Amino acid sequence: MRHEPRPLAARELDVLQELASIGCGHALTALGKLLRLRIDMDVPEAWVGRSAGAIADFLGTLDTELVAVGLRLDGVLAGHLLVALTEPDARRLARRLGQPVEGDGPWSPLAESALMESGNIVGSAFVSAIAAMVGEKLLPSVPSLVRGRGRACIDQLVERDAGTMALATRFSTAEDGGLEGLILVVPEAKHVPELLAALDFA
């Protein structure tokens, strides 16, 4: 018989949001250094759904084209980390990384590679901060890049059974024409109790 993870208490969600705040803070500092820009971040929000694929379904309601870079996280915070941007913001990021995409033209392999490398830098800084905080191993996978509507993007990067909760952190910069995006940390619900235990949370 399959046992569904119990709903998280408000205090437990607060702990996970604080964890995301620390990890995303380090991640966006690293991205800011790469871009030579100051990047601001909002307080992370906990998005919790009741059914499989709830996070993908939520992003699908935004009705906009997204570009997303995703990494699998293995270790104490098993799950996924995604960096999602609208198509115009992703093109601005590619330009800032020295690989501009002309007009509405197709993405070049170099532009896609530049975005994946930025996602890799974000993911590596995030896992380093969390691993140091928790004192446990956390490893990122090789990044993958997808484009399309929100639901389709998330479904390509996160198994629907795992996509029931996300810690969402919006980031932005007003410099160099402006840029904003979203970091989504999607922990696997079945491993969250182990994570909370590693944080000595009871």
Protein backbone atom coordinates (compact mmCIF):
# COMPACT_ATOMS: atom_id res chain seq x y z
CA MET A 1 0.00 0.00 0.00
CA ARG A 2 1.28 3.43 -0.92
CA HIS A 3 1.53 5.88 1.97
CA GLU A 4 1.00 9.54 1.11
CA PRO A 5 3.31 11.98 2.92
CA ARG A 6 1.52 13.85 5.69
CA PRO A 7 0.79 17.55 5.13
CA LEU A 8 3.52 19.82 6.47
CA ALA A 9 2.77 22.02 9.45
CA ALA A 10 3.11 25.79 9.11
CA ARG A 11 6.30 25.79 11.18
CA GLU A 12 7.84 23.13 8.95
CA LEU A 13 7.04 25.19 5.85
CA ASP A 14 8.66 28.19 7.54
CA VAL A 15 11.83 26.15 8.05
CA LEU A 16 11.89 25.10 4.39
CA GLN A 17 11.32 28.69 3.27
CA GLU A 18 14.24 29.84 5.41
CA LEU A 19 16.38 27.10 3.89
CA ALA A 20 15.38 28.27 0.40
CA SER A 21 16.14 31.87 1.36
CA ILE A 22 19.69 30.97 2.38
CA GLY A 23 20.34 28.76 -0.62
CA CYS A 24 18.82 31.15 -3.17
CA GLY A 25 20.65 34.07 -1.60
CA HIS A 26 23.97 32.36 -2.27
CA ALA A 27 22.82 31.26 -5.71
CA LEU A 28 21.79 34.74 -6.80
CA THR A 29 24.97 36.27 -5.41
CA ALA A 30 26.88 33.89 -7.67
CA LEU A 31 24.65 34.77 -10.65
CA GLY A 32 25.11 38.48 -9.94
CA LYS A 33 28.88 38.07 -10.00
CA LEU A 34 28.65 36.22 -13.30
CA LEU A 35 26.48 38.95 -14.84
CA ARG A 36 28.21 41.83 -13.01
CA LEU A 37 24.80 43.04 -11.87
CA ARG A 38 23.09 43.53 -8.54
CA ILE A 39 20.25 41.01 -8.27
CA ASP A 40 17.46 41.39 -5.74
CA MET A 41 15.30 38.55 -4.45
CA ASP A 42 11.89 38.32 -2.83
CA VAL A 43 11.16 36.29 0.26
CA PRO A 44 10.60 32.67 -0.84
CA GLU A 45 7.01 31.45 -0.99
CA ALA A 46 5.81 27.91 -0.38
CA TRP A 47 3.50 26.65 -3.11
CA VAL A 48 1.66 23.54 -1.96
CA GLY A 49 -0.77 21.58 -4.12
CA ARG A 50 -3.02 18.65 -3.37
CA SER A 51 -2.42 16.54 -6.44
CA ALA A 52 0.44 15.25 -8.56
CA GLY A 53 1.77 17.86 -10.96
CA ALA A 54 0.17 20.75 -9.06
CA ILE A 55 3.19 23.02 -9.58
CA ALA A 56 3.28 22.40 -13.33
CA ASP A 57 -0.46 23.01 -13.52
CA PHE A 58 -0.10 26.29 -11.63
CA LEU A 59 2.60 27.58 -13.95
CA GLY A 60 0.44 26.50 -16.86
CA THR A 61 -2.16 29.08 -15.81
CA LEU A 62 0.34 31.90 -16.45
CA ASP A 63 -0.20 31.43 -20.21
CA THR A 64 3.27 32.54 -21.23
CA GLU A 65 6.27 31.03 -22.98
CA LEU A 66 9.03 30.06 -20.56
CA VAL A 67 12.64 29.02 -20.77
CA ALA A 68 13.69 26.82 -17.86
CA VAL A 69 16.96 25.26 -16.77
CA GLY A 70 16.56 22.33 -14.40
CA LEU A 71 18.89 20.27 -12.23
CA ARG A 72 18.19 17.13 -10.28
CA LEU A 73 19.26 17.35 -6.61
CA ASP A 74 20.51 14.18 -4.93
CA GLY A 75 21.21 13.99 -1.22
CA VAL A 76 19.69 15.56 1.85
CA LEU A 77 17.40 17.82 -0.23
CA ALA A 78 16.40 15.33 -2.90
CA GLY A 79 14.31 16.87 -5.65
CA HIS A 80 14.81 19.48 -8.35
CA LEU A 81 15.98 23.04 -8.78
CA LEU A 82 14.67 25.08 -11.70
CA VAL A 83 15.49 28.54 -12.97
CA ALA A 84 12.54 29.77 -15.03
CA LEU A 85 12.31 32.94 -17.10
CA THR A 86 9.90 34.29 -19.65
CA GLU A 87 11.16 34.07 -23.22
CA PRO A 88 12.03 37.83 -23.37
CA ASP A 89 13.88 37.68 -20.05
CA ALA A 90 15.76 34.56 -21.12
CA ARG A 91 16.87 36.37 -24.28
CA ARG A 92 18.05 39.32 -22.18
CA LEU A 93 20.01 36.92 -19.99
CA ALA A 94 21.60 35.28 -23.04
CA ARG A 95 22.61 38.72 -24.34
CA ARG A 96 24.16 39.60 -20.98
CA LEU A 97 26.09 36.32 -21.13
CA GLY A 98 27.52 37.31 -24.51
CA GLN A 99 25.32 35.06 -26.66
CA PRO A 100 22.53 37.28 -28.01
CA VAL A 101 19.53 35.72 -29.77
CA GLU A 102 18.58 37.93 -32.68
CA GLY A 103 15.02 39.31 -32.63
CA ASP A 104 12.51 36.49 -32.55
CA GLY A 105 14.97 34.17 -34.23
CA PRO A 106 15.92 30.66 -33.15
CA TRP A 107 18.21 29.96 -30.23
CA SER A 108 21.75 28.98 -31.12
CA PRO A 109 23.46 26.08 -29.35
CA LEU A 110 25.88 28.59 -27.80
CA ALA A 111 23.04 30.69 -26.38
CA GLU A 112 21.38 27.60 -24.91
CA SER A 113 24.71 26.46 -23.51
CA ALA A 114 25.24 29.85 -21.87
CA LEU A 115 21.87 29.63 -20.13
CA MET A 116 22.58 26.09 -18.96
CA GLU A 117 25.92 27.21 -17.56
CA SER A 118 24.22 30.04 -15.66
CA GLY A 119 21.78 27.46 -14.27
CA ASN A 120 24.70 25.27 -13.30
CA ILE A 121 26.30 28.16 -11.41
CA VAL A 122 23.03 28.90 -9.62
CA GLY A 123 22.53 25.24 -8.73
CA SER A 124 26.11 24.70 -7.56
CA ALA A 125 26.02 27.75 -5.27
CA PHE A 126 22.64 26.66 -3.90
CA VAL A 127 23.72 23.12 -3.04
CA SER A 128 27.01 24.28 -1.54
CA ALA A 129 25.16 26.61 0.83
CA ILE A 130 22.60 23.98 1.84
CA ALA A 131 25.19 21.21 2.26
CA ALA A 132 27.30 23.46 4.48
CA MET A 133 24.28 24.45 6.55
CA VAL A 134 22.94 20.92 7.02
CA GLY A 135 26.27 19.11 7.15
CA GLU A 136 25.14 16.52 4.61
CA LYS A 137 25.96 15.81 0.97
CA LEU A 138 23.87 17.42 -1.75
CA LEU A 139 24.82 17.04 -5.40
CA PRO A 140 23.39 18.66 -8.56
CA SER A 141 23.01 16.88 -11.87
CA VAL A 142 24.05 18.18 -15.26
CA PRO A 143 21.56 20.95 -16.21
CA SER A 144 18.85 20.53 -18.84
CA LEU A 145 17.12 23.31 -20.78
CA VAL A 146 13.54 23.30 -22.04
CA ARG A 147 11.29 25.89 -23.65
CA GLY A 148 7.53 26.11 -23.93
CA ARG A 149 4.42 26.79 -21.86
CA GLY A 150 4.80 26.60 -18.11
CA ARG A 151 3.10 23.24 -17.61
CA ALA A 152 5.05 21.62 -20.43
CA CYS A 153 8.37 22.98 -19.14
CA ILE A 154 7.88 21.70 -15.62
CA ASP A 155 6.55 18.33 -16.78
CA GLN A 156 9.72 17.81 -18.82
CA LEU A 157 11.96 18.55 -15.84
CA VAL A 158 10.04 17.23 -12.82
CA GLU A 159 8.15 13.96 -12.46
CA ARG A 160 4.47 14.75 -11.89
CA ASP A 161 4.34 12.67 -8.71
CA ALA A 162 7.12 14.84 -7.26
CA GLY A 163 5.67 18.18 -8.33
CA THR A 164 3.27 18.79 -5.46
CA MET A 165 5.25 21.43 -3.57
CA ALA A 166 7.75 24.12 -4.50
CA LEU A 167 9.69 26.85 -2.76
CA ALA A 168 9.50 29.78 -5.17
CA THR A 169 11.89 32.73 -5.08
CA ARG A 170 11.42 35.61 -7.50
CA PHE A 171 14.56 37.54 -8.47
CA SER A 172 15.05 40.69 -10.50
CA THR A 173 17.44 43.44 -11.48
CA ALA A 174 16.65 46.90 -12.80
CA GLU A 175 20.10 47.27 -14.35
CA ASP A 176 20.96 46.83 -18.02
CA GLY A 177 17.38 46.92 -19.24
CA GLY A 178 15.95 44.83 -16.42
CA LEU A 179 15.60 41.11 -15.92
CA GLU A 180 13.49 38.89 -13.71
CA GLY A 181 12.94 35.21 -13.15
CA LEU A 182 12.04 32.52 -10.68
CA ILE A 183 13.99 29.88 -8.81
CA LEU A 184 11.86 26.87 -7.96
CA VAL A 185 13.11 24.34 -5.45
CA VAL A 186 10.91 21.26 -5.73
CA PRO A 187 11.71 18.85 -2.88
CA GLU A 188 10.47 15.29 -3.02
CA ALA A 189 7.83 15.15 -0.31
CA LYS A 190 8.84 11.68 0.87
CA HIS A 191 12.35 12.94 1.72
CA VAL A 192 11.32 16.13 3.52
CA PRO A 193 11.14 14.46 6.96
CA GLU A 194 14.78 13.37 6.54
CA LEU A 195 15.74 16.94 5.67
CA LEU A 196 13.93 18.34 8.69
CA ALA A 197 15.63 15.75 10.88
CA ALA A 198 19.02 16.78 9.50
CA LEU A 199 18.17 20.34 10.54
CA ASP A 200 17.40 19.06 14.06
CA PHE A 201 13.83 20.21 13.60
CA ALA A 202 11.25 18.47 15.71
